[in-house]
Protein backbone atom coordinates (compact mmCIF):
# COMPACT_ATOMS: atom_id res chain seq x y z
CA UNK A 1 7.15 -2.45 -2.85
CA UNK A 2 10.19 -2.38 -3.73
CA UNK A 3 13.17 -0.28 -2.45
CA UNK A 4 12.98 1.80 -4.94
CA UNK A 5 9.85 3.16 -5.35
CA UNK A 6 8.85 6.31 -4.07
CA UNK A 7 6.60 6.36 -1.91
CA UNK A 8 7.78 6.10 1.46
CA UNK A 9 10.69 7.51 4.03
CA UNK A 10 12.58 4.58 5.01
CA UNK A 11 15.33 6.66 6.29
CA UNK A 12 16.90 6.18 9.22
CA UNK A 13 17.95 3.00 11.70
CA UNK A 14 16.30 -0.56 10.93
CA UNK A 15 17.20 -3.03 14.16
CA UNK A 16 17.69 -6.40 12.11
CA UNK A 17 15.46 -9.22 14.39
CA UNK A 18 14.99 -12.15 11.84
CA UNK A 19 17.28 -12.49 8.68
CA UNK A 20 17.03 -16.74 7.23
CA UNK A 21 17.78 -17.77 3.96
CA UNK A 22 14.33 -19.15 3.00
CA UNK A 23 14.11 -21.06 -0.05
CA UNK A 24 13.17 -18.21 -2.34
CA UNK A 25 16.84 -16.81 -1.10
CA UNK A 26 17.02 -14.35 1.51
CA UNK A 27 14.60 -12.90 3.71
CA UNK A 28 14.77 -10.80 6.56
CA UNK A 29 12.47 -8.87 9.59
CA UNK A 30 13.63 -5.25 10.44
CA UNK A 31 12.23 -2.75 12.50
CA UNK A 32 12.21 0.58 12.58
CA UNK A 33 10.61 2.63 14.68
CA UNK A 34 6.97 1.81 15.29
CA UNK A 35 6.89 -0.37 12.22
CA UNK A 36 8.37 -3.60 10.88
CA UNK A 37 9.56 -3.90 6.88
CA UNK A 38 9.82 -7.42 5.40
CA UNK A 39 13.35 -7.25 3.08
CA UNK A 40 13.50 -9.44 0.22
CA UNK A 41 17.19 -10.77 -1.28
CA UNK A 42 18.17 -7.06 -0.64
CA UNK A 43 15.00 -5.15 -1.23
CA UNK A 44 12.48 -3.20 0.73
CA UNK A 45 8.92 -5.15 -0.04
CA UNK A 46 6.49 -3.76 2.41
CA UNK A 47 6.15 -2.76 6.28
CA UNK A 48 3.45 -1.85 9.12
CA UNK A 49 3.77 1.80 8.24
CA UNK A 50 0.31 2.12 6.01
CA UNK A 51 -2.29 -0.32 5.07
CA UNK A 52 -4.37 1.55 3.02
CA UNK A 53 -4.45 -0.21 0.17
CA UNK A 54 -3.81 -4.08 1.35
CA UNK A 55 -7.00 -3.30 3.50
CA UNK A 56 -9.02 -1.83 -0.10
CA UNK A 57 -8.10 -5.18 -1.94
CA UNK A 58 -10.76 -7.05 0.59
CA UNK A 59 -13.67 -4.77 0.43
CA UNK A 60 -13.05 -3.54 -3.29
CA UNK A 61 -13.54 -7.79 -4.19
CA UNK A 62 -16.46 -8.54 -0.84
CA UNK A 63 -18.23 -5.57 -1.94
CA UNK A 64 -18.94 -6.57 -6.04
CA UNK A 65 -20.05 -10.38 -4.20
CA UNK A 66 -23.55 -10.84 -3.36
CA UNK A 67 -22.83 -14.43 -2.32
CA UNK A 68 -23.86 -14.88 1.60
CA UNK A 69 -20.61 -16.02 3.10
CA UNK A 70 -17.93 -15.27 0.14
CA UNK A 71 -14.62 -17.62 0.63
CA UNK A 72 -11.80 -15.72 -0.06
CA UNK A 73 -7.95 -16.86 -0.86
CA UNK A 74 -5.73 -14.31 0.08
CA UNK A 75 -1.99 -14.68 -2.01
CA UNK A 76 0.62 -14.11 -0.25
CA UNK A 77 0.84 -13.48 3.98
CA UNK A 78 2.69 -10.14 4.32
CA UNK A 79 2.46 -8.13 7.17
CA UNK A 80 -1.02 -9.34 7.79
CA UNK A 81 -2.83 -6.22 6.99
CA UNK A 82 -4.98 -7.97 4.72
CA UNK A 83 -5.73 -10.65 6.70
CA UNK A 84 -6.70 -8.69 9.76
CA UNK A 85 -8.93 -6.60 7.62
CA UNK A 86 -10.86 -10.19 5.94
CA UNK A 87 -11.07 -11.58 9.74
CA UNK A 88 -12.62 -8.61 11.20
CA UNK A 89 -15.61 -8.48 8.96
CA UNK A 90 -17.61 -11.38 9.21
CA UNK A 91 -19.76 -11.52 5.89
CA UNK A 92 -16.87 -13.49 4.90
CA UNK A 93 -17.00 -17.81 5.06
CA UNK A 94 -13.38 -19.62 4.29
CA UNK A 95 -10.35 -17.44 4.33
CA UNK A 96 -7.10 -19.37 3.01
CA UNK A 97 -3.86 -17.57 3.13
CA UNK A 98 -1.52 -18.65 0.49
CA UNK A 99 2.17 -17.92 2.15
CA UNK A 100 5.21 -19.37 -0.12
CA UNK A 101 8.02 -18.39 3.57
CA UNK A 102 8.39 -20.03 6.59
CA UNK A 103 9.77 -17.43 7.79
CA UNK A 104 6.69 -14.26 7.72
CA UNK A 105 4.44 -17.15 8.74
CA UNK A 106 6.81 -17.06 11.51
CA UNK A 107 6.59 -13.57 12.10
CA UNK A 108 3.06 -13.31 12.63
CA UNK A 109 2.27 -17.18 14.59
CA UNK A 110 5.03 -16.60 17.26
CA UNK A 111 7.27 -13.26 16.75
CA UNK A 112 6.49 -9.80 16.80
CA UNK A 113 3.87 -9.89 12.98
CA UNK A 114 1.09 -11.39 16.04
CA UNK A 115 -0.07 -7.56 16.69
CA UNK A 116 -2.15 -7.64 13.67
CA UNK A 117 -2.72 -10.89 12.83
CA UNK A 118 -2.90 -12.75 16.00
CA UNK A 119 -6.70 -12.46 16.16
CA UNK A 120 -7.17 -13.27 12.32
CA UNK A 121 -4.92 -16.58 13.11
CA UNK A 122 -6.77 -17.66 15.66
CA UNK A 123 -9.90 -16.86 13.98
CA UNK A 124 -11.79 -20.61 12.60
CA UNK A 125 -11.96 -19.53 9.52
CA UNK A 126 -8.76 -19.04 8.54
CA UNK A 127 -6.54 -21.90 6.65
CA UNK A 128 -2.61 -20.59 6.86
CA UNK A 129 -0.84 -22.82 3.32
CA UNK A 130 2.42 -22.49 2.85
CA UNK A 131 2.83 -23.28 -0.44
CA UNK A 132 3.47 -21.40 -3.55
CA UNK A 133 0.70 -19.42 -4.70
CA UNK A 134 1.17 -21.29 -8.56
CA UNK A 135 2.03 -24.46 -7.05
CA UNK A 136 -1.62 -24.09 -5.55
CA UNK A 137 -3.65 -22.83 -8.00
CA UNK A 138 -2.20 -26.02 -10.49
CA UNK A 139 -2.77 -28.16 -7.16
CA UNK A 140 -6.14 -27.75 -5.78
CA UNK A 141 -10.26 -28.52 -6.73
CA UNK A 142 -11.24 -26.01 -4.44
CA UNK A 143 -12.48 -22.52 -6.15
CA UNK A 144 -13.22 -19.51 -4.31
CA UNK A 145 -15.17 -16.34 -4.82
CA UNK A 146 -12.60 -14.07 -4.34
CA UNK A 147 -8.70 -13.83 -5.00
CA UNK A 148 -7.21 -11.08 -3.63
CA UNK A 149 -2.85 -11.48 -4.27
CA UNK A 150 -0.83 -8.92 -2.93
CA UNK A 151 2.76 -10.90 -4.90
CA UNK A 152 5.64 -8.80 -5.03
CA UNK A 153 5.24 -5.18 -6.49
CA UNK A 154 2.33 -6.91 -8.63
CA UNK A 155 2.63 -7.19 -12.19
CA UNK A 156 4.90 -4.90 -13.67
CA UNK A 157 7.34 -5.20 -11.13
CA UNK A 158 8.11 -8.12 -9.91
CA UNK A 159 11.47 -8.41 -7.43
CA UNK A 160 11.94 -12.16 -7.85
CA UNK A 161 11.38 -13.57 -11.16
CA UNK A 162 9.39 -17.16 -10.28
CA UNK A 163 6.50 -14.94 -9.25
CA UNK A 164 6.25 -12.76 -13.17
CA UNK A 165 4.30 -16.35 -14.30
CA UNK A 166 0.74 -15.43 -12.09
CA UNK A 167 0.46 -12.47 -14.06
CA UNK A 168 1.72 -13.73 -17.35
CA UNK A 169 -1.46 -15.72 -19.50
CA UNK A 170 -1.32 -19.03 -17.61
CA UNK A 171 -1.02 -17.47 -14.51
CA UNK A 172 -4.07 -15.94 -14.61
CA UNK A 173 -5.88 -19.08 -16.64
CA UNK A 174 -4.74 -20.94 -13.57
CA UNK A 175 -6.47 -17.59 -11.57
CA UNK A 176 -9.62 -17.77 -13.26
CA UNK A 177 -9.95 -21.14 -13.37
CA UNK A 178 -10.31 -21.72 -9.76
CA UNK A 179 -13.12 -18.49 -9.24
CA UNK A 180 -16.56 -19.78 -8.99
CA UNK A 181 -18.75 -17.66 -11.65
CA UNK A 182 -19.04 -14.57 -10.93
CA UNK A 183 -15.70 -14.52 -8.57
CA UNK A 184 -13.49 -11.49 -8.51
CA UNK A 185 -10.20 -11.11 -9.09
CA UNK A 186 -8.04 -8.74 -6.74
CA UNK A 187 -4.85 -7.83 -8.04
CA UNK A 188 -2.40 -5.31 -5.31
CA UNK A 189 0.12 -3.69 -7.85
CA UNK A 190 2.47 -0.99 -7.04
CA UNK A 191 1.80 0.82 -10.24
CA UNK A 192 -1.73 1.46 -12.41
CA UNK A 193 -1.62 -0.58 -15.48
CA UNK A 194 -2.93 -0.61 -18.50
CA UNK A 195 -0.99 -3.27 -20.38
CA UNK A 196 -2.61 -5.53 -16.91
CA UNK A 197 -5.75 -4.77 -17.15
CA UNK A 198 -5.51 -5.92 -21.34
CA UNK A 199 -4.25 -9.43 -20.04
CA UNK A 200 -6.69 -9.67 -17.74
CA UNK A 201 -9.92 -8.32 -21.02
CA UNK A 202 -7.32 -11.51 -22.27
CA UNK A 203 -7.44 -13.57 -20.06
CA UNK A 204 -11.24 -13.97 -19.97
CA UNK A 205 -12.24 -11.92 -17.34
CA UNK A 206 -14.68 -9.08 -17.85
CA UNK A 207 -15.19 -5.36 -15.41
CA UNK A 208 -12.29 -4.56 -15.78
CA UNK A 209 -11.17 -1.68 -14.11
CA UNK A 210 -8.51 0.06 -11.64
CA UNK A 211 -9.39 1.48 -8.11
CA UNK A 212 -6.24 3.76 -7.48
CA UNK A 213 -4.73 3.85 -3.20
CA UNK A 214 -3.43 7.88 -3.48
CA UNK A 215 0.19 8.15 -1.69
CA UNK A 216 1.70 11.81 -0.65
CA UNK A 217 4.98 11.18 -3.07
CA UNK A 218 5.34 9.32 -6.28
CA UNK A 219 2.34 7.14 -8.32
CA UNK A 220 -0.41 5.93 -6.28
CA UNK A 221 -0.76 1.73 -5.34
CA UNK A 222 -2.87 0.33 -7.28
CA UNK A 223 -6.11 -2.33 -6.93
CA UNK A 224 -6.75 -4.41 -10.86
CA UNK A 225 -10.03 -6.19 -10.45
CA UNK A 226 -11.57 -8.29 -13.17
CA UNK A 227 -14.49 -11.20 -12.87
CA UNK A 228 -14.87 -14.25 -14.07
CA UNK A 229 -18.23 -14.16 -15.83
């Protein structure tokens, strides 16, 4: 979801609603027409124009689970589409969201992104944890039925260098360790990656495959999927 991706039209005037220096650099919330945008260190990350791929991230994991009340960890709050979609589904049990940027959490709790997430944030199943995802995976003893990760632009195109580790062998091993046997890892990406599919297999995931979300221009957004045996 970088500013260089060809799948969005970001022409026209944008109004800056908030600008903060966060723990990982500058984050900005802008409004462009009816939509909101999040900018990190000058790079476009995401907006509220089209949430199909974020919703698919959650649905693709759920449809591959058989537990009656599966638990899910959503990595990255973003504009809130994945959280809102998960909370609207009564099949999910516990819903944990890990987001490291305090500004993004504030924009949902007290700012304009609450238009998307307010009902979800009031849901007793939902817990928001302000922490880096890799730190959370290393520190927690919790296990989940699904990990739905939407961090940066995906495995092949990260804006923040520290996010690279999530998609390497150590990060994938940490994710696998936090899944129940049979659990699903779902990873959003701004482009397909056969190299990442191979990385998932090398990390011990099975049933590895990729689901594409067609876009008007350029390469499709995708969700990479793998199962812990």
